[in-house]
Amino acid sequence: MNSYPSFLEKLNDKQREICISQNNYVLTACPGSGKTRLITYRLAYLQWKNSNSRKYNIAITYTNRAAEEIEHRLDEMGIDLSSVWTGTIHQFCMHFIIRPYSMYSKYLKKGYKIIDEYVRDAYCREIANKLRIDCGYEDPLSFPKIKVEYYRKLYANREIDFDLILKLSLSLLRENPFIAENISSTICSLHIDEFQDTNKLQYEILAEIVNSNKSINVMFVGDTNQGIFGGLGGEAKKAKDLSELFQIKFHEDTLSGCYRSTNRIIDFYSNFEVSKTGAHSLSDKKETKGIIKHNTLVSKNNIAREIKLIIEQQIINGVPDKEICIVAPQWHMIFDVANILKTEMPMMNFDAPDISAFKYDPLNPFYLLAKLLFTKSGKRVQIRKRIASEVLDILRNDYQIYINDSFDNYSLLKTINNCKCIVDDGLEFYKESVFTILNTMNVDLETEKRLQKIFQDFIDKCSDRIKRYKLSRDYSDFCKCFMEKSGIVINTIHGVKGEEYTTVIAFGLLNGMLPNWSYILQEDKKPLRESETKKLLYVLSSRAKENLFLFSEKGYFTRGGTEYTPTDELKSVYFDYD
C-alpha cells in the first residue's frame, strides 16, 4: 500500500521521489520538466501529510502570475488553501514581516505608503532635473546625489518602494531576533521558484527565518539558463553556498527530461545554454520535425502581415489558437502589432496586453477591492477569501486603521457581493461600492487622511488612464479587466517565462533590443551582453513545443540614423529552411 495520496500517481518516479522526500533541495530543472507541477504537487502533498497542522506551506515565485497559477492548480485539485501561501518575495515580506512588526521600525512605526515603479521613476526624473543630471541609459539611483535626495523624499513622505521593502524587512529580522523566531514557528516548508532570479537581500531574508527554525523544509528550484533578471541582481547560488548561508544541508538534483518540446527544438535552444542541462525530450511528439525559421528580410511595416499569415496557416494545420504565442523583447513593440492583428483577424481570440482603467498593483487595497468587485462571486471562493483577507491586513497594518475584529474576510465578501450595479458607469459603481464597503467597516475617509489620499490617487489614476487611452467606462468593460483571457497569446519574452505553446512567433530580435542598448553602450555591461542575450533566446525558444518562427525585421533605426541589425547570437546558429 502506498504511503502517499493517489494524486501523486500523476507524477513520474523522479518527481514523486522528490515530492515526498524530507530532504532540502537545490533542484535544477530544464524547460518543460514539470517544475511548476512539482511545486504544486509538493504543496498538496505537504498539506495532505500535515492536515492537522496550521503551519504554512509557502511558495515564493518571481511573478504574481506564477503564484496565481499555483493557487489555481491547487484549487482545482480541491486542496485546502488555508495553510498554503503563494506570492512574490515582496508580498511575503509585507505579509509576514512588515505588517505584523512595523511598530519595531523607526521608519515604519508611524505608518507608510507603498509606491510603485511609476512613482519611483517620476521622483527620480524630478530630482535629476532639479540637480541637472543627465542619466542617459543608466538607472538614476546609480547617481549618489540622486539616490540621497530620493530616499530623503521617501522618508519625508513616509513612503517605501520595493527595494526598501526588502531592506527594512532584513533590518527588522536582524535587529529583533524574536521576529524571525515567531515567523519561523508558523512555517512548515518554503519553496523558492526561479531561484536563479533571487538576489542577495532575498536570500538573506529567507536565511534569517530558516536559521531560527531548521526544521523548515526548503526547496530551491530553477534553471541558470533562464536567469533573465540578472540586471536586478539575480544570482543562482550553489548548494554549498546555500548550505552555509541557511545552516542546513541541501541535496542537489536535476530534472532533465522535457515533456514539452521535440528533440529538434531542444537541440536548437541548447545553442544558447550558458550552463549545460543535458535536456532531452520525453514528449510523445519528440521525433516530430516541426518548423524552425529565421527571417531577416521582412520590413517592420509588414511584420504584422507576416505573423497573420503564419497564424492562418497554423490554424489550418490544426493548431488551436491558445497554442500559438507571439512575443517580442520589449513592451512598446507589442501594442501596435497586437492592435493590427485584432483588427485584421476579428474572428480570432487574443490573450493580449490591454490597457485597462486599473493599473496592476496587488499591494494597493483599492486595486484588490476592484478585483473583487468586478469578478463573479461563487467562483474560486478560496482565492477570493485570500484577497479579502489581504485587503483587511493592508488596512489594519499598513494604514493602521481600526476595524472591528469581528469584521473578517467573510464579512467583506458578503458586503462586496451585495454591491449591485445600478449604473452603467463602471467607475461610478466602483466609487459608490467602496464608500459602502468602508461605511460597513465604520471607516471614515474624512478622518483617515492617508487612506483618503490613496483612494483619491487611485481614482485619479483610473480617470487619467480612461481619458488618455480613450477607454470605455461601461460596467461590462470594467469587468473585462479581470476576466481570464483565452486565445493567441501576445506578450514579452519575460512575460511568457514558464509557459508553453505548440507554435512560438518572435519578432524584434535585434541588437539593441535583445538585450536593450544599455548593455551595448555601458562599458561595464558589455561583457554581460552575450550571456544576457543567450538567456533571452533560451527562454524564448524553449517555450515552443514544435514550431519556432523568428524575425529580425528591417527598418528600425537609432536616433543617429544607424539601422538595427539582427541579433548576433542568431547569426551563428544553423537554420534548416525546408
Protein backbone atom coordinates (compact mmCIF):
# COMPACT_ATOMS: atom_id res chain seq x y z
CA MET A 1 0.00 0.00 0.00
CA ASN A 2 1.36 3.44 -0.99
CA SER A 3 2.21 5.85 1.80
CA TYR A 4 1.28 8.82 -0.32
CA PRO A 5 -2.01 10.19 -1.73
CA SER A 6 -3.35 8.98 -5.08
CA PHE A 7 -2.84 12.33 -6.82
CA LEU A 8 0.93 11.75 -6.72
CA GLU A 9 0.43 8.90 -9.20
CA LYS A 10 0.28 11.64 -11.86
CA LEU A 11 3.99 12.36 -11.30
CA ASN A 12 6.88 10.37 -12.71
CA ASP A 13 9.10 8.35 -10.35
CA LYS A 14 11.74 11.10 -10.01
CA GLN A 15 9.19 13.84 -9.34
CA ARG A 16 7.36 11.67 -6.81
CA GLU A 17 10.59 10.79 -5.02
CA ILE A 18 11.48 14.47 -4.61
CA CYS A 19 7.92 15.35 -3.67
CA ILE A 20 7.76 13.02 -0.66
CA SER A 21 11.39 13.42 0.41
CA GLN A 22 12.20 15.19 3.67
CA ASN A 23 15.48 16.49 2.22
CA ASN A 24 16.16 20.15 1.46
CA TYR A 25 16.78 20.54 -2.27
CA VAL A 26 18.52 22.69 -4.83
CA LEU A 27 16.80 21.44 -7.94
CA THR A 28 17.92 22.35 -11.45
CA ALA A 29 15.02 21.81 -13.83
CA CYS A 30 15.22 22.13 -17.61
CA PRO A 31 12.32 23.73 -19.53
CA GLY A 32 9.26 21.51 -19.70
CA SER A 33 10.42 19.17 -16.94
CA GLY A 34 7.38 19.89 -14.75
CA LYS A 35 8.91 22.37 -12.31
CA THR A 36 5.65 24.23 -11.52
CA ARG A 37 3.81 20.90 -11.44
CA LEU A 38 6.31 19.55 -8.90
CA ILE A 39 5.99 22.59 -6.63
CA THR A 40 2.20 22.41 -6.84
CA TYR A 41 2.06 18.71 -6.00
CA ARG A 42 4.63 19.07 -3.25
CA LEU A 43 2.48 21.76 -1.61
CA ALA A 44 -0.55 19.49 -1.99
CA TYR A 45 1.36 16.53 -0.53
CA LEU A 46 2.57 18.51 2.48
CA GLN A 47 -0.97 19.77 3.09
CA TRP A 48 -2.16 16.15 2.98
CA LYS A 49 0.66 14.89 5.19
CA ASN A 50 0.23 17.65 7.80
CA SER A 51 -3.52 18.05 7.56
CA ASN A 52 -3.88 18.79 11.28
CA SER A 53 -1.18 21.46 11.27
CA ARG A 54 -1.87 25.16 10.72
CA LYS A 55 1.73 25.85 9.71
CA TYR A 56 2.21 27.39 6.28
CA ASN A 57 3.48 25.63 3.20
CA ILE A 58 4.86 28.50 1.15
CA ALA A 59 5.77 29.03 -2.50
CA ILE A 60 7.70 32.20 -3.31
CA THR A 61 7.52 32.97 -7.01
CA TYR A 62 9.13 35.63 -9.16
CA THR A 63 5.82 36.87 -10.61
CA ASN A 64 2.26 37.22 -9.37
CA ARG A 65 1.11 35.31 -12.43
CA ALA A 66 3.15 32.27 -11.37
CA ALA A 67 1.78 32.45 -7.82
CA GLU A 68 -1.79 32.66 -9.11
CA GLU A 69 -1.18 29.67 -11.41
CA ILE A 70 -0.05 27.52 -8.48
CA GLU A 71 -3.07 28.59 -6.43
CA HIS A 72 -5.45 27.87 -9.31
CA ARG A 73 -3.99 24.39 -9.80
CA LEU A 74 -4.30 23.60 -6.09
CA ASP A 75 -7.84 24.96 -6.03
CA GLU A 76 -8.80 22.76 -8.99
CA MET A 77 -7.29 19.76 -7.14
CA GLY A 78 -9.59 20.52 -4.20
CA ILE A 79 -6.69 21.26 -1.84
CA ASP A 80 -7.48 23.28 1.29
CA LEU A 81 -5.63 26.58 0.78
CA SER A 82 -5.98 27.83 4.35
CA SER A 83 -2.38 26.86 5.17
CA VAL A 84 -0.92 27.46 1.72
CA TRP A 85 0.64 30.82 0.92
CA THR A 86 1.91 31.83 -2.52
CA GLY A 87 3.29 35.15 -3.70
CA THR A 88 6.37 37.17 -4.58
CA ILE A 89 9.16 37.88 -2.10
CA HIS A 90 7.85 41.44 -1.69
CA GLN A 91 4.39 40.15 -0.82
CA PHE A 92 5.97 37.64 1.56
CA CYS A 93 7.87 40.41 3.34
CA MET A 94 4.77 42.59 3.61
CA HIS A 95 2.55 39.75 4.85
CA PHE A 96 4.89 38.03 7.30
CA ILE A 97 7.34 40.77 8.38
CA ILE A 98 6.40 44.40 7.79
CA ARG A 99 2.68 44.42 8.52
CA PRO A 100 2.85 42.44 11.76
CA TYR A 101 6.06 44.06 13.05
CA SER A 102 6.19 47.59 11.61
CA MET A 103 5.95 49.04 15.15
CA TYR A 104 9.54 47.90 15.76
CA SER A 105 10.90 50.02 12.90
CA LYS A 106 11.61 53.72 13.36
CA TYR A 107 10.92 54.20 9.65
CA LEU A 108 7.60 52.33 9.62
CA LYS A 109 6.01 52.70 13.03
CA LYS A 110 4.11 55.92 12.23
CA GLY A 111 2.61 54.43 9.08
CA TYR A 112 3.76 54.21 5.50
CA LYS A 113 2.64 54.18 1.88
CA ILE A 114 3.99 51.82 -0.77
CA ILE A 115 4.90 53.46 -4.08
CA ASP A 116 5.15 51.66 -7.41
CA GLU A 117 7.81 51.95 -10.10
CA TYR A 118 5.94 54.74 -11.88
CA VAL A 119 6.03 57.00 -8.82
CA ARG A 120 9.68 55.99 -8.26
CA ASP A 121 10.58 56.96 -11.83
CA ALA A 122 8.68 60.24 -11.56
CA TYR A 123 10.55 61.14 -8.35
CA CYS A 124 13.89 60.27 -9.96
CA ARG A 125 13.15 62.39 -13.04
CA GLU A 126 12.09 65.30 -10.86
CA ILE A 127 15.25 65.08 -8.75
CA ALA A 128 17.53 64.58 -11.77
CA ASN A 129 16.07 67.67 -13.45
CA LYS A 130 16.46 69.67 -10.25
CA LEU A 131 20.11 68.62 -9.94
CA ARG A 132 20.65 68.98 -13.71
CA ILE A 133 21.94 65.43 -14.07
CA ASP A 134 21.58 63.66 -17.43
CA CYS A 135 21.14 59.98 -16.56
CA GLY A 136 21.15 58.72 -20.14
CA TYR A 137 20.54 54.95 -20.16
CA GLU A 138 21.66 54.50 -16.57
CA ASP A 139 19.47 53.94 -13.54
CA PRO A 140 19.03 57.37 -11.89
CA LEU A 141 19.63 55.78 -8.48
CA SER A 142 23.16 54.84 -9.57
CA PHE A 143 23.97 58.54 -9.16
CA PRO A 144 24.78 59.14 -5.44
CA LYS A 145 23.31 62.65 -5.34
CA ILE A 146 20.01 61.49 -6.85
CA LYS A 147 19.90 58.48 -4.53
CA VAL A 148 20.36 60.62 -1.41
CA GLU A 149 17.60 63.04 -2.43
CA TYR A 150 15.28 60.21 -3.49
CA TYR A 151 15.44 58.41 -0.14
CA ARG A 152 15.20 61.73 1.71
CA LYS A 153 11.96 62.38 -0.17
CA LEU A 154 10.59 58.92 0.64
CA TYR A 155 11.39 59.37 4.33
CA ALA A 156 9.72 62.78 4.43
CA ASN A 157 6.61 61.35 2.74
CA ARG A 158 6.62 58.16 4.86
CA GLU A 159 6.83 56.10 1.67
CA ILE A 160 8.59 52.86 0.80
CA ASP A 161 9.48 51.38 -2.57
CA PHE A 162 10.11 47.74 -3.47
CA ASP A 163 13.80 47.93 -2.57
CA LEU A 164 13.01 49.40 0.83
CA ILE A 165 10.51 46.60 1.49
CA LEU A 166 13.44 44.17 1.33
CA LYS A 167 15.95 46.33 3.21
CA LEU A 168 13.53 47.16 6.04
CA SER A 169 12.45 43.52 6.30
CA LEU A 170 16.04 42.36 6.72
CA SER A 171 16.69 45.09 9.30
CA LEU A 172 13.64 44.06 11.31
CA LEU A 173 14.77 40.44 11.35
CA ARG A 174 18.37 41.20 12.31
CA GLU A 175 17.63 43.87 14.91
CA ASN A 176 14.78 41.89 16.51
CA PRO A 177 15.66 38.16 16.54
CA PHE A 178 12.30 37.25 18.08
CA ILE A 179 10.59 38.28 14.82
CA ALA A 180 12.40 35.57 12.84
CA GLU A 181 11.64 33.10 15.63
CA ASN A 182 7.93 33.97 15.57
CA ILE A 183 7.67 33.76 11.78
CA SER A 184 9.67 30.54 11.50
CA SER A 185 7.43 28.84 14.06
CA THR A 186 4.48 29.30 11.68
CA ILE A 187 6.19 27.77 8.60
CA CYS A 188 6.38 24.13 7.59
CA SER A 189 8.03 24.49 4.19
CA LEU A 190 9.50 27.06 1.79
CA HIS A 191 9.62 26.57 -1.98
CA ILE A 192 11.54 29.20 -3.94
CA ASP A 193 10.71 29.12 -7.63
CA GLU A 194 13.09 30.56 -10.27
CA PHE A 195 15.81 30.80 -7.64
CA GLN A 196 18.29 31.99 -10.27
CA ASP A 197 16.42 35.32 -10.13
CA THR A 198 16.80 35.63 -6.34
CA ASN A 199 19.06 38.45 -5.19
CA LYS A 200 21.38 38.80 -2.19
CA LEU A 201 18.85 40.55 0.07
CA GLN A 202 16.17 37.98 -0.67
CA TYR A 203 18.47 35.06 0.15
CA GLU A 204 19.45 36.74 3.42
CA ILE A 205 15.84 37.42 4.47
CA LEU A 206 14.88 33.78 3.98
CA ALA A 207 18.08 32.58 5.68
CA GLU A 208 17.31 34.65 8.82
CA ILE A 209 13.98 32.88 9.10
CA VAL A 210 15.26 29.36 8.41
CA ASN A 211 18.18 29.84 10.80
CA SER A 212 15.63 30.35 13.56
CA ASN A 213 13.93 27.04 12.82
CA LYS A 214 15.98 24.46 10.94
CA SER A 215 13.05 22.06 10.79
CA ILE A 216 11.58 24.13 7.94
CA ASN A 217 11.82 22.13 4.74
CA VAL A 218 13.39 24.24 1.97
CA MET A 219 13.43 23.72 -1.79
CA PHE A 220 15.08 25.95 -4.40
CA VAL A 221 14.00 25.23 -7.98
CA GLY A 222 15.25 26.90 -11.15
CA ASP A 223 17.46 26.92 -14.22
CA THR A 224 20.59 29.06 -14.54
CA ASN A 225 19.97 29.38 -18.27
CA GLN A 226 16.71 31.21 -17.58
CA GLY A 227 18.24 33.87 -15.33
CA ILE A 228 16.95 36.77 -17.41
CA PHE A 229 16.66 39.14 -14.46
CA GLY A 230 20.39 39.32 -13.73
CA GLY A 231 20.24 43.09 -14.17
CA LEU A 232 18.17 43.17 -10.98
CA GLY A 233 20.77 41.24 -9.03
CA GLY A 234 19.51 37.71 -9.60
CA GLU A 235 22.04 35.03 -8.66
CA ALA A 236 21.87 31.23 -8.81
CA LYS A 237 23.66 30.06 -5.67
CA LYS A 238 25.20 26.60 -5.44
CA ALA A 239 24.08 24.05 -2.83
CA LYS A 240 27.34 24.54 -0.94
CA ASP A 241 26.77 28.29 -0.62
CA LEU A 242 23.14 27.82 0.38
CA SER A 243 24.07 25.22 3.00
CA GLU A 244 26.49 27.71 4.54
CA LEU A 245 24.01 30.59 4.44
CA PHE A 246 20.97 28.65 5.68
CA GLN A 247 22.97 26.38 8.03
CA ILE A 248 21.15 23.28 6.78
CA LYS A 249 22.20 20.56 4.36
CA PHE A 250 20.94 20.82 0.77
CA HIS A 251 20.78 17.97 -1.73
CA GLU A 252 21.38 18.77 -5.39
CA ASP A 253 19.34 17.09 -8.10
CA THR A 254 18.19 17.67 -11.65
CA LEU A 255 15.10 17.23 -13.78
CA SER A 256 16.47 16.88 -17.32
CA GLY A 257 13.55 15.16 -19.03
CA CYS A 258 11.50 17.63 -21.09
CA TYR A 259 7.83 16.71 -21.63
CA ARG A 260 7.24 19.85 -23.69
CA SER A 261 9.43 20.09 -26.78
CA THR A 262 10.60 17.99 -29.69
CA ASN A 263 14.21 16.90 -29.94
CA ARG A 264 14.69 19.42 -32.72
CA ILE A 265 13.52 22.34 -30.57
CA ILE A 266 15.71 21.19 -27.67
CA ASP A 267 18.73 20.88 -29.97
CA PHE A 268 18.06 24.42 -31.15
CA TYR A 269 17.75 26.13 -27.79
CA SER A 270 20.73 24.16 -26.46
CA ASN A 271 22.81 26.50 -28.65
CA PHE A 272 22.03 29.24 -26.12
CA GLU A 273 22.80 27.36 -22.90
CA VAL A 274 25.26 29.09 -20.59
CA SER A 275 25.16 26.05 -18.31
CA LYS A 276 24.67 22.57 -19.77
CA THR A 277 21.50 20.77 -18.58
CA GLY A 278 21.55 17.52 -20.56
CA ALA A 279 17.94 18.21 -21.53
CA HIS A 280 16.29 15.51 -23.64
CA SER A 281 12.78 15.08 -24.93
CA LEU A 282 10.25 12.81 -23.22
CA SER A 283 7.41 14.22 -25.32
CA ASP A 284 5.10 11.90 -27.23
CA LYS A 285 5.99 14.01 -30.28
CA LYS A 286 9.73 14.11 -29.67
CA GLU A 287 10.55 12.97 -33.22
CA THR A 288 8.21 15.48 -34.87
CA LYS A 289 10.24 17.73 -37.15
CA GLY A 290 8.17 20.89 -36.90
CA ILE A 291 9.40 24.23 -38.25
CA ILE A 292 12.31 26.44 -37.18
CA LYS A 293 12.87 29.56 -39.31
CA HIS A 294 14.67 32.87 -39.02
CA ASN A 295 13.56 35.73 -41.31
CA THR A 296 15.81 38.79 -41.64
CA LEU A 297 14.26 40.21 -44.82
CA VAL A 298 10.78 41.34 -43.81
CA SER A 299 10.20 45.03 -43.10
CA LYS A 300 8.89 46.18 -39.72
CA ASN A 301 5.96 47.72 -41.62
CA ASN A 302 4.95 44.24 -42.84
CA ILE A 303 5.69 42.23 -39.68
CA ALA A 304 2.04 42.08 -38.57
CA ARG A 305 1.03 40.80 -42.02
CA GLU A 306 3.72 38.08 -41.95
CA ILE A 307 2.61 36.98 -38.48
CA LYS A 308 -1.02 36.95 -39.63
CA LEU A 309 -0.12 34.58 -42.49
CA ILE A 310 1.69 32.23 -40.09
CA ILE A 311 -1.28 32.20 -37.70
CA GLU A 312 -3.70 31.41 -40.51
CA GLN A 313 -1.53 28.51 -41.70
CA GLN A 314 -1.11 27.16 -38.16
CA ILE A 315 -4.88 27.23 -37.62
CA ILE A 316 -5.34 25.36 -40.93
CA ASN A 317 -2.77 22.82 -39.70
CA GLY A 318 -4.94 22.18 -36.65
CA VAL A 319 -3.04 24.17 -34.02
CA PRO A 320 -5.57 25.65 -31.51
CA ASP A 321 -5.43 29.43 -31.02
CA LYS A 322 -4.39 29.08 -27.36
CA GLU A 323 -1.36 27.04 -28.53
CA ILE A 324 0.04 29.99 -30.52
CA CYS A 325 2.20 32.64 -28.87
CA ILE A 326 3.63 35.90 -30.26
CA VAL A 327 6.48 37.53 -28.35
CA ALA A 328 8.83 40.50 -28.61
CA PRO A 329 11.70 41.68 -26.39
CA GLN A 330 10.08 44.96 -25.31
CA TRP A 331 6.59 46.18 -24.43
CA HIS A 332 6.48 49.12 -26.82
CA MET A 333 6.77 46.73 -29.77
CA ILE A 334 3.80 44.66 -28.65
CA PHE A 335 0.87 47.07 -28.77
CA ASP A 336 0.92 48.12 -32.44
CA VAL A 337 1.23 44.54 -33.69
CA ALA A 338 -1.49 43.38 -31.27
CA ASN A 339 -3.90 46.10 -32.43
CA ILE A 340 -3.31 45.34 -36.13
CA LEU A 341 -3.88 41.60 -35.60
CA LYS A 342 -7.05 42.21 -33.60
CA THR A 343 -8.38 44.49 -36.33
CA GLU A 344 -7.48 42.24 -39.26
CA MET A 345 -8.46 38.97 -37.56
CA PRO A 346 -11.76 39.88 -35.81
CA MET A 347 -12.88 36.25 -35.58
CA MET A 348 -9.80 35.21 -33.60
CA ASN A 349 -9.44 35.39 -29.82
CA PHE A 350 -6.35 37.11 -28.43
CA ASP A 351 -4.86 36.99 -24.95
CA ALA A 352 -3.04 40.25 -25.49
CA PRO A 353 -1.99 43.08 -23.20
CA ASP A 354 -4.82 45.55 -22.85
CA ILE A 355 -4.62 48.94 -21.24
CA SER A 356 -7.33 48.91 -18.60
CA ALA A 357 -8.60 51.55 -16.21
CA PHE A 358 -6.91 49.69 -13.35
CA LYS A 359 -3.13 49.58 -13.31
CA TYR A 360 -1.95 46.27 -11.82
CA ASP A 361 -0.95 46.94 -8.20
CA PRO A 362 -1.51 43.97 -5.83
CA LEU A 363 -0.19 45.90 -2.81
CA ASN A 364 -2.87 48.58 -3.17
CA PRO A 365 -6.09 47.79 -1.21
CA PHE A 366 -8.22 49.68 -3.73
CA TYR A 367 -6.87 47.62 -6.62
CA LEU A 368 -7.69 44.43 -4.71
CA LEU A 369 -11.21 45.74 -3.98
CA ALA A 370 -11.64 46.42 -7.70
CA LYS A 371 -10.62 42.84 -8.45
CA LEU A 372 -13.25 41.52 -6.01
CA LEU A 373 -15.97 43.93 -7.20
CA PHE A 374 -15.56 43.21 -10.90
CA THR A 375 -15.21 39.42 -10.73
CA LYS A 376 -18.02 36.95 -10.16
CA SER A 377 -18.80 35.70 -6.68
CA GLY A 378 -19.14 31.97 -6.18
CA LYS A 379 -16.08 31.16 -8.29
CA ARG A 380 -12.59 30.49 -6.91
CA VAL A 381 -14.01 31.12 -3.45
CA GLN A 382 -10.83 30.17 -1.59
CA ILE A 383 -8.83 32.67 -3.65
CA ARG A 384 -11.43 35.42 -3.18
CA LYS A 385 -11.27 34.83 0.58
CA ARG A 386 -7.47 35.17 0.39
CA ILE A 387 -7.75 38.50 -1.43
CA ALA A 388 -10.33 39.76 1.06
CA SER A 389 -8.01 38.86 3.95
CA GLU A 390 -5.20 40.72 2.20
CA VAL A 391 -7.35 43.87 1.94
CA LEU A 392 -8.12 43.77 5.67
CA ASP A 393 -4.45 43.14 6.54
CA ILE A 394 -3.34 46.14 4.48
CA LEU A 395 -5.94 48.45 6.03
CA ARG A 396 -5.25 47.30 9.59
CA ASN A 397 -1.46 47.13 9.37
CA ASP A 398 -0.22 49.35 6.54
CA TYR A 399 -2.64 52.18 7.29
CA GLN A 400 -3.22 51.44 10.98
CA ILE A 401 -6.99 51.70 10.64
CA TYR A 402 -9.17 50.26 13.35
CA ILE A 403 -11.59 47.65 12.01
CA ASN A 404 -13.52 45.54 14.49
CA ASP A 405 -12.05 42.03 14.78
CA SER A 406 -15.49 40.59 14.08
CA PHE A 407 -15.31 42.01 10.56
CA ASP A 408 -13.46 39.22 8.74
CA ASN A 409 -12.88 38.18 5.14
CA TYR A 410 -16.33 36.57 5.01
CA SER A 411 -17.92 39.86 6.15
CA LEU A 412 -16.03 41.77 3.49
CA LEU A 413 -17.01 39.35 0.71
CA LYS A 414 -20.65 39.43 1.82
CA THR A 415 -20.61 43.23 1.62
CA ILE A 416 -18.97 43.15 -1.80
CA ASN A 417 -21.40 40.55 -3.14
CA ASN A 418 -24.28 42.79 -2.07
CA CYS A 419 -22.95 45.71 -4.13
CA LYS A 420 -25.24 45.59 -7.15
CA CYS A 421 -24.60 47.70 -10.24
CA ILE A 422 -27.49 50.11 -10.84
CA VAL A 423 -25.49 52.46 -13.09
CA ASP A 424 -23.79 51.76 -16.40
CA ASP A 425 -20.70 53.75 -15.46
CA GLY A 426 -18.11 51.31 -14.08
CA LEU A 427 -16.03 53.93 -12.27
CA GLU A 428 -19.09 55.43 -10.56
CA PHE A 429 -20.18 51.95 -9.47
CA TYR A 430 -16.71 51.34 -8.10
CA LYS A 431 -16.61 54.59 -6.10
CA GLU A 432 -20.10 54.05 -4.65
CA SER A 433 -19.23 50.46 -3.75
CA VAL A 434 -16.01 51.47 -1.97
CA PHE A 435 -17.92 54.04 0.11
CA THR A 436 -20.45 51.33 1.01
CA ILE A 437 -17.71 48.89 1.98
CA LEU A 438 -15.85 51.44 4.11
CA ASN A 439 -19.09 52.53 5.82
CA THR A 440 -19.81 48.90 6.68
CA MET A 441 -16.37 48.76 8.31
CA ASN A 442 -17.07 52.07 10.11
CA VAL A 443 -14.11 53.64 8.31
CA ASP A 444 -14.48 57.37 7.62
CA LEU A 445 -12.31 58.69 4.77
CA GLU A 446 -12.67 62.24 6.08
CA THR A 447 -10.90 61.16 9.26
CA GLU A 448 -8.42 58.73 7.67
CA LYS A 449 -6.50 61.29 5.63
CA ARG A 450 -3.76 58.94 4.39
CA LEU A 451 -6.28 56.41 3.17
CA GLN A 452 -8.28 59.19 1.58
CA LYS A 453 -5.16 60.27 -0.32
CA ILE A 454 -4.50 56.72 -1.56
CA PHE A 455 -8.12 56.36 -2.66
CA GLN A 456 -8.12 59.71 -4.48
CA ASP A 457 -4.80 58.90 -6.16
CA PHE A 458 -6.24 55.58 -7.30
CA ILE A 459 -9.39 57.22 -8.74
CA ASP A 460 -7.33 59.98 -10.40
CA LYS A 461 -5.04 57.41 -11.98
CA CYS A 462 -8.04 55.43 -13.29
CA SER A 463 -9.66 58.58 -14.68
CA ASP A 464 -6.40 59.61 -16.31
CA ARG A 465 -5.96 56.22 -17.97
CA ILE A 466 -9.56 56.29 -19.22
CA LYS A 467 -9.04 59.73 -20.73
CA ARG A 468 -5.53 59.17 -22.08
CA TYR A 469 -6.26 55.83 -23.75
CA LYS A 470 -9.91 56.60 -24.60
CA LEU A 471 -11.19 53.63 -22.61
CA SER A 472 -14.82 52.71 -22.09
CA ARG A 473 -16.41 53.49 -18.73
CA ASP A 474 -19.10 50.80 -19.15
CA TYR A 475 -19.52 48.45 -16.21
CA SER A 476 -19.27 45.41 -18.51
CA ASP A 477 -15.93 46.64 -19.88
CA PHE A 478 -14.61 47.14 -16.35
CA CYS A 479 -15.46 43.50 -15.65
CA LYS A 480 -13.38 42.51 -18.67
CA CYS A 481 -10.30 43.98 -16.95
CA PHE A 482 -10.21 40.94 -14.66
CA MET A 483 -11.59 38.24 -16.94
CA GLU A 484 -9.35 35.29 -17.73
CA LYS A 485 -8.37 35.67 -21.35
CA SER A 486 -8.02 32.92 -23.90
CA GLY A 487 -6.74 32.67 -27.44
CA ILE A 488 -3.48 33.63 -29.13
CA VAL A 489 -1.06 34.96 -26.54
CA ILE A 490 0.84 38.20 -27.24
CA ASN A 491 3.44 39.13 -24.65
CA THR A 492 7.11 39.90 -23.96
CA ILE A 493 9.79 37.24 -23.57
CA HIS A 494 9.90 37.97 -19.86
CA GLY A 495 6.11 37.71 -19.68
CA VAL A 496 5.85 34.18 -21.11
CA LYS A 497 8.57 32.67 -18.97
CA GLY A 498 7.27 29.39 -17.57
CA GLU A 499 4.66 28.90 -20.30
CA GLU A 500 4.48 26.59 -23.33
CA TYR A 501 2.91 26.67 -26.79
CA THR A 502 2.91 24.49 -29.90
CA THR A 503 3.95 27.45 -32.03
CA VAL A 504 6.01 30.46 -30.95
CA ILE A 505 6.42 33.52 -33.20
CA ALA A 506 9.02 36.09 -32.12
CA PHE A 507 9.90 39.44 -33.66
CA GLY A 508 12.19 42.34 -32.83
CA LEU A 509 15.23 40.07 -32.41
CA LEU A 510 17.73 42.85 -32.98
CA ASN A 511 20.95 44.07 -31.40
CA GLY A 512 19.96 46.86 -29.05
CA MET A 513 16.56 45.36 -28.37
CA LEU A 514 17.73 41.92 -27.32
CA PRO A 515 19.01 42.94 -24.82
CA ASN A 516 18.47 46.70 -24.73
CA TRP A 517 21.01 49.38 -25.61
CA SER A 518 22.23 49.77 -22.03
CA TYR A 519 24.17 46.50 -22.41
CA ILE A 520 25.86 47.81 -25.55
CA LEU A 521 26.56 51.42 -24.60
CA GLN A 522 27.68 51.00 -20.99
CA GLU A 523 31.24 49.65 -20.87
CA ASP A 524 30.73 47.79 -17.59
CA LYS A 525 27.76 45.89 -19.04
CA LYS A 526 29.23 44.91 -22.40
CA PRO A 527 30.75 41.65 -21.06
CA LEU A 528 27.25 40.61 -19.97
CA ARG A 529 25.68 41.25 -23.37
CA GLU A 530 26.31 37.82 -24.86
CA SER A 531 25.18 35.84 -21.81
CA GLU A 532 22.08 38.02 -21.32
CA THR A 533 21.15 37.64 -24.99
CA LYS A 534 21.65 33.88 -24.89
CA LYS A 535 19.44 33.57 -21.82
CA LEU A 536 16.65 35.54 -23.50
CA LEU A 537 16.91 33.41 -26.66
CA TYR A 538 16.96 30.27 -24.49
CA VAL A 539 13.76 31.30 -22.67
CA LEU A 540 12.09 32.34 -25.91
CA SER A 541 12.96 29.18 -27.86
CA SER A 542 12.17 26.77 -25.03
CA ARG A 543 8.55 27.96 -24.89
CA ALA A 544 7.95 26.13 -28.20
CA LYS A 545 6.78 22.54 -28.40
CA GLU A 546 7.14 22.08 -32.17
CA ASN A 547 7.37 25.29 -34.24
CA LEU A 548 9.52 28.39 -33.92
CA PHE A 549 9.31 31.41 -36.25
CA LEU A 550 11.93 34.10 -35.56
CA PHE A 551 12.02 37.57 -37.12
CA SER A 552 14.83 40.13 -37.13
CA GLU A 553 12.92 42.65 -39.19
CA LYS A 554 14.39 45.53 -41.16
CA GLY A 555 13.55 49.20 -40.81
CA TYR A 556 14.38 50.11 -37.21
CA PHE A 557 16.84 52.98 -36.85
CA THR A 558 18.62 54.64 -33.94
CA ARG A 559 18.31 58.39 -33.38
CA GLY A 560 21.68 58.72 -35.09
CA GLY A 561 20.36 57.02 -38.23
CA THR A 562 22.05 53.63 -37.80
CA GLU A 563 19.86 50.64 -38.66
CA TYR A 564 19.35 47.94 -36.06
CA THR A 565 20.94 44.63 -37.07
CA PRO A 566 19.83 41.02 -36.42
CA THR A 567 20.86 39.65 -33.03
CA ASP A 568 24.45 38.42 -33.32
CA GLU A 569 23.81 35.21 -31.39
CA LEU A 570 21.31 34.08 -34.05
CA LYS A 571 23.77 34.54 -36.90
CA SER A 572 25.97 31.64 -35.81
CA VAL A 573 23.09 29.17 -35.50
CA TYR A 574 22.31 26.84 -38.40
CA PHE A 575 18.73 27.08 -39.68
CA ASP A 576 17.05 24.41 -41.78
CA TYR A 577 14.54 26.13 -44.06
CA ASP A 578 12.91 23.07 -45.59
